[in-house]
PDB file of N, CA and C in Angstrom:
ATOM      1  N   MET A   1    -117.299  15.020 -11.283  1.00  0.00           N
ATOM      2  CA  MET A   1    -116.074  16.021 -11.082  1.00  0.00           C
ATOM      3  C   MET A   1    -115.058  15.482 -11.920  1.00  0.00           C
ATOM      4  N   ILE A   2    -114.392  14.369 -11.634  1.00  0.00           N
ATOM      5  CA  ILE A   2    -113.339  14.010 -12.533  1.00  0.00           C
ATOM      6  C   ILE A   2    -113.957  12.721 -13.299  1.00  0.00           C
ATOM      7  N   ARG A   3    -113.637  12.818 -14.601  1.00  0.00           N
ATOM      8  CA  ARG A   3    -114.187  11.728 -15.355  1.00  0.00           C
ATOM      9  C   ARG A   3    -112.980  11.072 -16.274  1.00  0.00           C
ATOM     10  N   PRO A   4    -112.914   9.939 -16.134  1.00  0.00           N
ATOM     11  CA  PRO A   4    -111.824   9.265 -16.966  1.00  0.00           C
ATOM     12  C   PRO A   4    -111.992   9.471 -18.407  1.00  0.00           C
ATOM     13  N   LYS A   5    -110.892   9.708 -19.129  1.00  0.00           N
ATOM     14  CA  LYS A   5    -111.036   9.755 -20.521  1.00  0.00           C
ATOM     15  C   LYS A   5    -110.711   8.277 -21.040  1.00  0.00           C
ATOM     16  N   ILE A   6    -111.645   7.869 -21.739  1.00  0.00           N
ATOM     17  CA  ILE A   6    -111.470   6.391 -22.276  1.00  0.00           C
ATOM     18  C   ILE A   6    -110.635   6.597 -23.842  1.00  0.00           C
ATOM     19  N   PRO A   7    -109.688   5.975 -23.906  1.00  0.00           N
ATOM     20  CA  PRO A   7    -108.866   6.178 -25.217  1.00  0.00           C
ATOM     21  C   PRO A   7    -109.525   5.319 -26.340  1.00  0.00           C
ATOM     22  N   THR A   8    -109.603   5.950 -27.268  1.00  0.00           N
ATOM     23  CA  THR A   8    -110.049   5.205 -28.554  1.00  0.00           C
ATOM     24  C   THR A   8    -109.149   4.372 -29.173  1.00  0.00           C
ATOM     25  N   MET A   9    -109.710   3.204 -29.732  1.00  0.00           N
ATOM     26  CA  MET A   9    -108.916   1.985 -30.488  1.00  0.00           C
ATOM     27  C   MET A   9    -108.462   2.619 -31.703  1.00  0.00           C
ATOM     28  N   PRO A  10    -107.057   2.616 -31.982  1.00  0.00           N
ATOM     29  CA  PRO A  10    -106.752   3.068 -33.287  1.00  0.00           C
ATOM     30  C   PRO A  10    -106.971   2.057 -34.294  1.00  0.00           C
ATOM     31  N   GLN A  11    -107.352   2.645 -35.501  1.00  0.00           N
ATOM     32  CA  GLN A  11    -107.636   1.572 -36.617  1.00  0.00           C
ATOM     33  C   GLN A  11    -106.383   0.958 -37.250  1.00  0.00           C
ATOM     34  N   PRO A  12    -106.437  -0.215 -37.693  1.00  0.00           N
ATOM     35  CA  PRO A  12    -105.124  -0.569 -38.083  1.00  0.00           C
ATOM     36  C   PRO A  12    -104.914  -0.318 -39.559  1.00  0.00           C
ATOM     37  N   THR A  13    -103.542  -0.010 -39.991  1.00  0.00           N
ATOM     38  CA  THR A  13    -103.372   0.742 -41.283  1.00  0.00           C
ATOM     39  C   THR A  13    -102.901  -0.345 -42.348  1.00  0.00           C
ATOM     40  N   VAL A  14    -102.628  -1.498 -41.869  1.00  0.00           N
ATOM     41  CA  VAL A  14    -102.356  -2.796 -42.573  1.00  0.00           C
ATOM     42  C   VAL A  14    -103.539  -3.756 -42.483  1.00  0.00           C
ATOM     43  N   PRO A  15    -103.804  -4.364 -43.754  1.00  0.00           N
ATOM     44  CA  PRO A  15    -104.699  -5.381 -43.600  1.00  0.00           C
ATOM     45  C   PRO A  15    -104.411  -6.633 -42.796  1.00  0.00           C
ATOM     46  N   VAL A  16    -105.521  -7.129 -42.168  1.00  0.00           N
ATOM     47  CA  VAL A  16    -105.187  -8.201 -41.256  1.00  0.00           C
ATOM     48  C   VAL A  16    -104.979  -9.368 -41.995  1.00  0.00           C
ATOM     49  N   ALA A  17    -105.621  -9.723 -42.894  1.00  0.00           N
ATOM     50  CA  ALA A  17    -105.441 -11.190 -43.447  1.00  0.00           C
ATOM     51  C   ALA A  17    -104.312 -10.944 -44.735  1.00  0.00           C
ATOM     52  N   THR A  18    -103.532 -11.914 -44.582  1.00  0.00           N
ATOM     53  CA  THR A  18    -102.446 -11.920 -45.729  1.00  0.00           C
ATOM     54  C   THR A  18    -102.905 -13.116 -46.450  1.00  0.00           C
ATOM     55  N   PRO A  19    -102.469 -12.931 -48.000  1.00  0.00           N
ATOM     56  CA  PRO A  19    -102.944 -13.897 -48.951  1.00  0.00           C
ATOM     57  C   PRO A  19    -101.884 -15.392 -48.537  1.00  0.00           C
ATOM     58  N   ALA A  20    -102.546 -16.343 -48.864  1.00  0.00           N
ATOM     59  CA  ALA A  20    -101.794 -17.513 -48.593  1.00  0.00           C
ATOM     60  C   ALA A  20    -100.786 -17.745 -49.761  1.00  0.00           C
ATOM     61  N   THR A  21     -99.754 -18.479 -49.341  1.00  0.00           N
ATOM     62  CA  THR A  21     -98.499 -18.629 -50.278  1.00  0.00           C
ATOM     63  C   THR A  21     -98.640 -19.899 -50.710  1.00  0.00           C
ATOM     64  N   VAL A  22     -98.156 -20.327 -51.793  1.00  0.00           N
ATOM     65  CA  VAL A  22     -97.888 -21.700 -52.276  1.00  0.00           C
ATOM     66  C   VAL A  22     -96.682 -22.346 -51.960  1.00  0.00           C
ATOM     67  N   VAL A  23     -96.844 -23.506 -51.275  1.00  0.00           N
ATOM     68  CA  VAL A  23     -95.462 -24.114 -50.939  1.00  0.00           C
ATOM     69  C   VAL A  23     -95.358 -25.383 -51.878  1.00  0.00           C
ATOM     70  N   GLU A  24     -94.190 -25.339 -52.635  1.00  0.00           N
ATOM     71  CA  GLU A  24     -93.924 -26.431 -53.484  1.00  0.00           C
ATOM     72  C   GLU A  24     -92.990 -27.566 -52.768  1.00  0.00           C
ATOM     73  N   PRO A  25     -93.269 -28.860 -52.936  1.00  0.00           N
ATOM     74  CA  PRO A  25     -92.477 -29.905 -52.425  1.00  0.00           C
ATOM     75  C   PRO A  25     -91.094 -29.845 -52.888  1.00  0.00           C
ATOM     76  N   THR A  26     -90.272 -30.327 -52.101  1.00  0.00           N
ATOM     77  CA  THR A  26     -88.796 -30.542 -52.588  1.00  0.00           C
ATOM     78  C   THR A  26     -88.430 -31.918 -52.341  1.00  0.00           C
ATOM     79  N   ALA A  27     -87.467 -32.223 -53.312  1.00  0.00           N
ATOM     80  CA  ALA A  27     -86.882 -33.621 -53.171  1.00  0.00           C
ATOM     81  C   ALA A  27     -86.022 -33.877 -52.038  1.00  0.00           C
ATOM     82  N   VAL A  28     -86.220 -34.967 -51.408  1.00  0.00           N
ATOM     83  CA  VAL A  28     -85.249 -35.250 -50.072  1.00  0.00           C
ATOM     84  C   VAL A  28     -84.227 -36.181 -50.634  1.00  0.00           C
ATOM     85  N   THR A  29     -83.004 -35.741 -50.496  1.00  0.00           N
ATOM     86  CA  THR A  29     -81.834 -36.768 -50.870  1.00  0.00           C
ATOM     87  C   THR A  29     -81.235 -37.329 -49.472  1.00  0.00           C
ATOM     88  N   PRO A  30     -80.988 -38.649 -49.615  1.00  0.00           N
ATOM     89  CA  PRO A  30     -80.324 -39.254 -48.412  1.00  0.00           C
ATOM     90  C   PRO A  30     -79.104 -38.587 -48.094  1.00  0.00           C
ATOM     91  N   ALA A  31     -78.842 -38.490 -46.877  1.00  0.00           N
ATOM     92  CA  ALA A  31     -77.544 -37.972 -46.454  1.00  0.00           C
ATOM     93  C   ALA A  31     -76.500 -39.085 -46.359  1.00  0.00           C
ATOM     94  N   LYS A  32     -75.107 -38.669 -46.480  1.00  0.00           N
ATOM     95  CA  LYS A  32     -74.126 -39.760 -46.683  1.00  0.00           C
ATOM     96  C   LYS A  32     -73.950 -40.082 -45.257  1.00  0.00           C
ATOM     97  N   PRO A  33     -73.539 -41.240 -44.986  1.00  0.00           N
ATOM     98  CA  PRO A  33     -73.198 -41.732 -43.597  1.00  0.00           C
ATOM     99  C   PRO A  33     -71.944 -40.994 -43.157  1.00  0.00           C
ATOM    100  N   SER A  34     -72.142 -40.388 -41.859  1.00  0.00           N
ATOM    101  CA  SER A  34     -71.087 -39.623 -41.378  1.00  0.00           C
ATOM    102  C   SER A  34     -70.327 -40.518 -40.562  1.00  0.00           C
ATOM    103  N   THR A  35     -68.984 -40.017 -40.503  1.00  0.00           N
ATOM    104  CA  THR A  35     -67.788 -40.761 -39.684  1.00  0.00           C
ATOM    105  C   THR A  35     -68.222 -40.315 -38.160  1.00  0.00           C
ATOM    106  N   PRO A  36     -67.659 -41.216 -37.248  1.00  0.00           N
ATOM    107  CA  PRO A  36     -68.315 -40.692 -35.838  1.00  0.00           C
ATOM    108  C   PRO A  36     -67.246 -39.945 -35.436  1.00  0.00           C
ATOM    109  N   ALA A  37     -67.646 -38.980 -34.503  1.00  0.00           N
ATOM    110  CA  ALA A  37     -66.932 -37.812 -34.036  1.00  0.00           C
ATOM    111  C   ALA A  37     -65.891 -38.460 -33.080  1.00  0.00           C
ATOM    112  N   PRO A  38     -64.599 -37.683 -33.086  1.00  0.00           N
ATOM    113  CA  PRO A  38     -63.726 -38.184 -32.126  1.00  0.00           C
ATOM    114  C   PRO A  38     -64.138 -37.924 -30.809  1.00  0.00           C
ATOM    115  N   PRO A  39     -63.513 -38.702 -29.873  1.00  0.00           N
ATOM    116  CA  PRO A  39     -63.801 -38.739 -28.584  1.00  0.00           C
ATOM    117  C   PRO A  39     -63.289 -37.532 -27.895  1.00  0.00           C
ATOM    118  N   ALA A  40     -64.224 -36.758 -27.175  1.00  0.00           N
ATOM    119  CA  ALA A  40     -63.753 -35.679 -26.415  1.00  0.00           C
ATOM    120  C   ALA A  40     -62.620 -35.872 -25.549  1.00  0.00           C
ATOM    121  N   PRO A  41     -61.735 -35.055 -25.443  1.00  0.00           N
ATOM    122  CA  PRO A  41     -60.463 -35.111 -24.532  1.00  0.00           C
ATOM    123  C   PRO A  41     -60.760 -35.064 -23.214  1.00  0.00           C
ATOM    124  N   ALA A  42     -60.131 -36.054 -22.480  1.00  0.00           N
ATOM    125  CA  ALA A  42     -60.413 -36.073 -21.095  1.00  0.00           C
ATOM    126  C   ALA A  42     -59.829 -34.982 -20.224  1.00  0.00           C
ATOM    127  N   ARG A  43     -60.686 -34.569 -19.223  1.00  0.00           N
ATOM    128  CA  ARG A  43     -60.382 -33.393 -18.493  1.00  0.00           C
ATOM    129  C   ARG A  43     -59.274 -33.777 -17.598  1.00  0.00           C
ATOM    130  N   PRO A  44     -58.296 -32.886 -17.415  1.00  0.00           N
ATOM    131  CA  PRO A  44     -57.199 -33.092 -16.402  1.00  0.00           C
ATOM    132  C   PRO A  44     -57.594 -33.367 -14.991  1.00  0.00           C
ATOM    133  N   THR A  45     -56.915 -34.164 -14.360  1.00  0.00           N
ATOM    134  CA  THR A  45     -57.293 -34.559 -13.096  1.00  0.00           C
ATOM    135  C   THR A  45     -56.532 -33.504 -12.287  1.00  0.00           C
ATOM    136  N   ILE A  46     -57.162 -33.277 -11.152  1.00  0.00           N
ATOM    137  CA  ILE A  46     -56.481 -32.322 -10.032  1.00  0.00           C
ATOM    138  C   ILE A  46     -55.855 -32.887  -9.069  1.00  0.00           C
ATOM    139  N   GLN A  47     -54.612 -32.754  -9.018  1.00  0.00           N
ATOM    140  CA  GLN A  47     -53.599 -33.329  -8.212  1.00  0.00           C
ATOM    141  C   GLN A  47     -53.554 -32.450  -6.848  1.00  0.00           C
ATOM    142  N   LEU A  48     -53.780 -33.205  -5.646  1.00  0.00           N
ATOM    143  CA  LEU A  48     -53.617 -32.289  -4.488  1.00  0.00           C
ATOM    144  C   LEU A  48     -52.227 -32.565  -3.873  1.00  0.00           C
ATOM    145  N   THR A  49     -51.544 -31.440  -3.768  1.00  0.00           N
ATOM    146  CA  THR A  49     -50.220 -31.529  -3.033  1.00  0.00           C
ATOM    147  C   THR A  49     -50.511 -31.146  -1.678  1.00  0.00           C
ATOM    148  N   PRO A  50     -49.657 -31.541  -0.686  1.00  0.00           N
ATOM    149  CA  PRO A  50     -49.871 -31.309   0.789  1.00  0.00           C
ATOM    150  C   PRO A  50     -49.986 -29.775   1.052  1.00  0.00           C
ATOM    151  N   GLY A  51     -49.536 -28.940   0.209  1.00  0.00           N
ATOM    152  CA  GLY A  51     -49.784 -27.487   0.412  1.00  0.00           C
ATOM    153  C   GLY A  51     -51.069 -27.020  -0.079  1.00  0.00           C
ATOM    154  N   THR A  52     -51.484 -27.695  -1.169  1.00  0.00           N
ATOM    155  CA  THR A  52     -52.797 -27.433  -1.589  1.00  0.00           C
ATOM    156  C   THR A  52     -54.016 -27.844  -0.653  1.00  0.00           C
ATOM    157  N   ALA A  53     -53.604 -29.037   0.052  1.00  0.00           N
ATOM    158  CA  ALA A  53     -54.653 -29.634   0.682  1.00  0.00           C
ATOM    159  C   ALA A  53     -54.725 -28.630   2.013  1.00  0.00           C
ATOM    160  N   LEU A  54     -53.436 -28.324   2.499  1.00  0.00           N
ATOM    161  CA  LEU A  54     -53.615 -27.499   3.776  1.00  0.00           C
ATOM    162  C   LEU A  54     -54.185 -26.077   3.492  1.00  0.00           C
ATOM    163  N   ALA A  55     -54.078 -25.499   2.250  1.00  0.00           N
ATOM    164  CA  ALA A  55     -54.739 -24.304   1.980  1.00  0.00           C
ATOM    165  C   ALA A  55     -56.186 -24.569   1.818  1.00  0.00           C
ATOM    166  N   LEU A  56     -56.691 -25.584   1.410  1.00  0.00           N
ATOM    167  CA  LEU A  56     -58.124 -25.857   1.387  1.00  0.00           C
ATOM    168  C   LEU A  56     -58.681 -26.048   2.730  1.00  0.00           C
ATOM    169  N   VAL A  57     -58.108 -26.903   3.614  1.00  0.00           N
ATOM    170  CA  VAL A  57     -58.470 -26.899   4.913  1.00  0.00           C
ATOM    171  C   VAL A  57     -58.547 -25.672   5.636  1.00  0.00           C
ATOM    172  N   GLY A  58     -57.296 -24.766   5.426  1.00  0.00           N
ATOM    173  CA  GLY A  58     -57.472 -23.479   6.151  1.00  0.00           C
ATOM    174  C   GLY A  58     -58.374 -22.569   5.633  1.00  0.00           C
ATOM    175  N   GLY A  59     -58.857 -22.502   4.235  1.00  0.00           N
ATOM    176  CA  GLY A  59     -59.657 -21.696   3.775  1.00  0.00           C
ATOM    177  C   GLY A  59     -61.064 -22.264   4.211  1.00  0.00           C
ATOM    178  N   GLY A  60     -61.449 -23.501   4.309  1.00  0.00           N
ATOM    179  CA  GLY A  60     -62.733 -23.946   4.804  1.00  0.00           C
ATOM    180  C   GLY A  60     -62.782 -23.597   6.290  1.00  0.00           C
ATOM    181  N   THR A  61     -61.890 -23.808   6.960  1.00  0.00           N
ATOM    182  CA  THR A  61     -61.922 -23.427   8.524  1.00  0.00           C
ATOM    183  C   THR A  61     -62.275 -21.806   8.562  1.00  0.00           C
ATOM    184  N   ALA A  62     -61.527 -21.147   7.793  1.00  0.00           N
ATOM    185  CA  ALA A  62     -61.826 -19.616   7.792  1.00  0.00           C
ATOM    186  C   ALA A  62     -63.171 -19.289   7.493  1.00  0.00           C
ATOM    187  N   VAL A  63     -63.810 -19.977   6.466  1.00  0.00           N
ATOM    188  CA  VAL A  63     -65.133 -19.710   6.145  1.00  0.00           C
ATOM    189  C   VAL A  63     -66.046 -19.996   7.244  1.00  0.00           C
ATOM    190  N   VAL A  64     -65.926 -21.292   7.845  1.00  0.00           N
ATOM    191  CA  VAL A  64     -66.779 -21.874   8.962  1.00  0.00           C
ATOM    192  C   VAL A  64     -66.691 -20.860  10.118  1.00  0.00           C
ATOM    193  N   LEU A  65     -65.505 -20.488  10.579  1.00  0.00           N
ATOM    194  CA  LEU A  65     -65.395 -19.482  11.663  1.00  0.00           C
ATOM    195  C   LEU A  65     -65.969 -18.109  11.379  1.00  0.00           C
ATOM    196  N   VAL A  66     -66.010 -17.568  10.147  1.00  0.00           N
ATOM    197  CA  VAL A  66     -66.635 -16.433   9.819  1.00  0.00           C
ATOM    198  C   VAL A  66     -68.037 -16.514  10.012  1.00  0.00           C
ATOM    199  N   VAL A  67     -68.650 -17.488   9.263  1.00  0.00           N
ATOM    200  CA  VAL A  67     -70.068 -17.758   9.214  1.00  0.00           C
ATOM    201  C   VAL A  67     -70.569 -17.975  10.530  1.00  0.00           C
ATOM    202  N   GLY A  68     -69.928 -18.598  11.474  1.00  0.00           N
ATOM    203  CA  GLY A  68     -70.260 -19.039  12.702  1.00  0.00           C
ATOM    204  C   GLY A  68     -70.405 -17.800  13.638  1.00  0.00           C
ATOM    205  N   ALA A  69     -69.400 -17.014  13.353  1.00  0.00           N
ATOM    206  CA  ALA A  69     -69.199 -15.454  14.176  1.00  0.00           C
ATOM    207  C   ALA A  69     -70.331 -14.516  13.664  1.00  0.00           C
ATOM    208  N   VAL A  70     -70.698 -14.607  12.430  1.00  0.00           N
ATOM    209  CA  VAL A  70     -71.771 -13.820  12.040  1.00  0.00           C
ATOM    210  C   VAL A  70     -73.293 -14.384  12.620  1.00  0.00           C
ATOM    211  N   LEU A  71     -73.464 -15.765  12.555  1.00  0.00           N
ATOM    212  CA  LEU A  71     -74.639 -16.293  13.230  1.00  0.00           C
ATOM    213  C   LEU A  71     -74.808 -16.179  14.623  1.00  0.00           C
ATOM    214  N   VAL A  72     -73.634 -16.174  15.308  1.00  0.00           N
ATOM    215  CA  VAL A  72     -73.800 -15.919  16.755  1.00  0.00           C
ATOM    216  C   VAL A  72     -73.965 -14.613  17.267  1.00  0.00           C
ATOM    217  N   SER A  73     -73.446 -13.616  16.399  1.00  0.00           N
ATOM    218  CA  SER A  73     -73.725 -12.172  16.556  1.00  0.00           C
ATOM    219  C   SER A  73     -75.140 -11.692  16.230  1.00  0.00           C
ATOM    220  N   MET A  74     -75.639 -12.504  15.339  1.00  0.00           N
ATOM    221  CA  MET A  74     -77.056 -12.055  15.140  1.00  0.00           C
ATOM    222  C   MET A  74     -77.924 -12.636  16.104  1.00  0.00           C
ATOM    223  N   LEU A  75     -77.672 -13.966  16.771  1.00  0.00           N
ATOM    224  CA  LEU A  75     -78.371 -14.475  17.934  1.00  0.00           C
ATOM    225  C   LEU A  75     -78.417 -13.594  19.001  1.00  0.00           C
ATOM    226  N   LEU A  76     -77.073 -13.199  19.173  1.00  0.00           N
ATOM    227  CA  LEU A  76     -76.814 -12.161  20.345  1.00  0.00           C
ATOM    228  C   LEU A  76     -77.728 -10.838  20.302  1.00  0.00           C
ATOM    229  N   ALA A  77     -77.735 -10.338  18.985  1.00  0.00           N
ATOM    230  CA  ALA A  77     -78.531  -9.075  18.838  1.00  0.00           C
ATOM    231  C   ALA A  77     -79.953  -9.431  18.956  1.00  0.00           C
ATOM    232  N   VAL A  78     -80.432 -10.552  18.525  1.00  0.00           N
ATOM    233  CA  VAL A  78     -81.906 -10.865  18.730  1.00  0.00           C
ATOM    234  C   VAL A  78     -82.091 -11.102  20.326  1.00  0.00           C
ATOM    235  N   THR A  79     -81.138 -11.704  21.158  1.00  0.00           N
ATOM    236  CA  THR A  79     -81.439 -11.910  22.580  1.00  0.00           C
ATOM    237  C   THR A  79     -81.390 -10.484  23.277  1.00  0.00           C
ATOM    238  N   VAL A  80     -80.623  -9.585  22.903  1.00  0.00           N
ATOM    239  CA  VAL A  80     -80.215  -8.365  23.784  1.00  0.00           C
ATOM    240  C   VAL A  80     -81.563  -7.336  23.246  1.00  0.00           C
ATOM    241  N   THR A  81     -82.090  -7.523  21.914  1.00  0.00           N
ATOM    242  CA  THR A  81     -83.420  -6.836  21.804  1.00  0.00           C
ATOM    243  C   THR A  81     -84.599  -7.319  22.250  1.00  0.00           C
ATOM    244  N   ALA A  82     -84.654  -8.604  22.476  1.00  0.00           N
ATOM    245  CA  ALA A  82     -85.647  -9.313  23.272  1.00  0.00           C
ATOM    246  C   ALA A  82     -85.740  -8.915  24.564  1.00  0.00           C
ATOM    247  N   THR A  83     -84.502  -8.858  25.298  1.00  0.00           N
ATOM    248  CA  THR A  83     -84.394  -8.543  26.670  1.00  0.00           C
ATOM    249  C   THR A  83     -84.918  -7.178  27.063  1.00  0.00           C
ATOM    250  N   SER A  84     -84.418  -6.175  26.066  1.00  0.00           N
ATOM    251  CA  SER A  84     -84.642  -4.848  26.360  1.00  0.00           C
ATOM    252  C   SER A  84     -86.193  -4.717  26.182  1.00  0.00           C
ATOM    253  N   VAL A  85     -86.962  -5.342  25.132  1.00  0.00           N
ATOM    254  CA  VAL A  85     -88.332  -5.233  24.976  1.00  0.00           C
ATOM    255  C   VAL A  85     -89.226  -5.508  26.218  1.00  0.00           C
ATOM    256  N   ALA A  86     -88.513  -6.712  26.902  1.00  0.00           N
ATOM    257  CA  ALA A  86     -89.285  -7.351  27.927  1.00  0.00           C
ATOM    258  C   ALA A  86     -89.185  -6.359  29.164  1.00  0.00           C
ATOM    259  N   VAL A  87     -87.922  -5.747  29.332  1.00  0.00           N
ATOM    260  CA  VAL A  87     -87.817  -4.806  30.391  1.00  0.00           C
ATOM    261  C   VAL A  87     -88.587  -3.557  30.234  1.00  0.00           C
ATOM    262  N   CYS A  88     -88.708  -3.099  28.982  1.00  0.00           N
ATOM    263  CA  CYS A  88     -89.659  -2.057  28.647  1.00  0.00           C
ATOM    264  C   CYS A  88     -91.244  -2.458  29.030  1.00  0.00           C
ATOM    265  N   ALA A  89     -91.386  -3.565  28.988  1.00  0.00           N
ATOM    266  CA  ALA A  89     -92.985  -3.947  29.129  1.00  0.00           C
ATOM    267  C   ALA A  89     -93.103  -3.964  30.519  1.00  0.00           C
ATOM    268  N   VAL A  90     -92.253  -4.543  31.300  1.00  0.00           N
ATOM    269  CA  VAL A  90     -92.142  -4.395  32.767  1.00  0.00           C
ATOM    270  C   VAL A  90     -92.295  -3.124  33.340  1.00  0.00           C
ATOM    271  N   VAL A  91     -91.393  -2.217  32.758  1.00  0.00           N
ATOM    272  CA  VAL A  91     -91.497  -0.893  33.186  1.00  0.00           C
ATOM    273  C   VAL A  91     -92.804  -0.257  32.986  1.00  0.00           C
ATOM    274  N   LEU A  92     -93.343  -0.503  31.890  1.00  0.00           N
ATOM    275  CA  LEU A  92     -94.491   0.284  31.242  1.00  0.00           C
ATOM    276  C   LEU A  92     -95.733  -0.252  32.144  1.00  0.00           C
ATOM    277  N   ARG A  93     -95.709  -1.538  32.343  1.00  0.00           N
ATOM    278  CA  ARG A  93     -96.966  -2.277  33.035  1.00  0.00           C
ATOM    279  C   ARG A  93     -96.702  -1.715  34.644  1.00  0.00           C
ATOM    280  N   SER A  94     -95.758  -1.568  34.999  1.00  0.00           N
ATOM    281  CA  SER A  94     -95.667  -1.117  36.377  1.00  0.00           C
ATOM    282  C   SER A  94     -95.975   0.622  36.704  1.00  0.00           C
ATOM    283  N   LEU A  95     -95.823   1.180  35.468  1.00  0.00           N
ATOM    284  CA  LEU A  95     -96.025   2.600  35.503  1.00  0.00           C
ATOM    285  C   LEU A  95     -97.578   2.756  35.265  1.00  0.00           C
ATOM    286  N   LEU A  96     -98.146   2.035  34.416  1.00  0.00           N
ATOM    287  CA  LEU A  96     -99.723   2.077  34.108  1.00  0.00           C
ATOM    288  C   LEU A  96    -100.617   1.395  35.242  1.00  0.00           C
ATOM    289  N   THR A  97    -100.049   0.506  35.837  1.00  0.00           N
ATOM    290  CA  THR A  97    -100.878  -0.171  36.988  1.00  0.00           C
ATOM    291  C   THR A  97    -100.507   0.616  38.434  1.00  0.00           C
ATOM    292  N   ARG A  98    -101.111   1.536  38.706  1.00  0.00           N
ATOM    293  CA  ARG A  98    -100.948   2.159  39.897  1.00  0.00           C
ATOM    294  C   ARG A  98    -101.891   1.758  41.190  1.00  0.00           C
ATOM    295  N   ARG A  99    -101.588   1.584  42.263  1.00  0.00           N
ATOM    296  CA  ARG A  99    -102.352   1.043  43.297  1.00  0.00           C
ATOM    297  C   ARG A  99    -102.716   2.145  44.200  1.00  0.00           C
TER     298      ARG A  99
END
């Protein structure tokens, strides 16, 4: 019915083998002794003022509260879903088993 068409491999237009090139040796000259690099400048130290420390503590507290609220809401969603599935299972079981 349906026969797959196998593509033909195209022939290369450029010859595969390239002629070898001759590499001539070059003279190696010794390098001059270089002067040592200047030392890297020291990074500036961060100075924490009381206002900056209070801002960092407040920001960290806010992050912890937001992440905690998200995790608790996800746990609550899982709990509500599991409870509703359990209730549905009990109702279906009671409907299917008639005495």
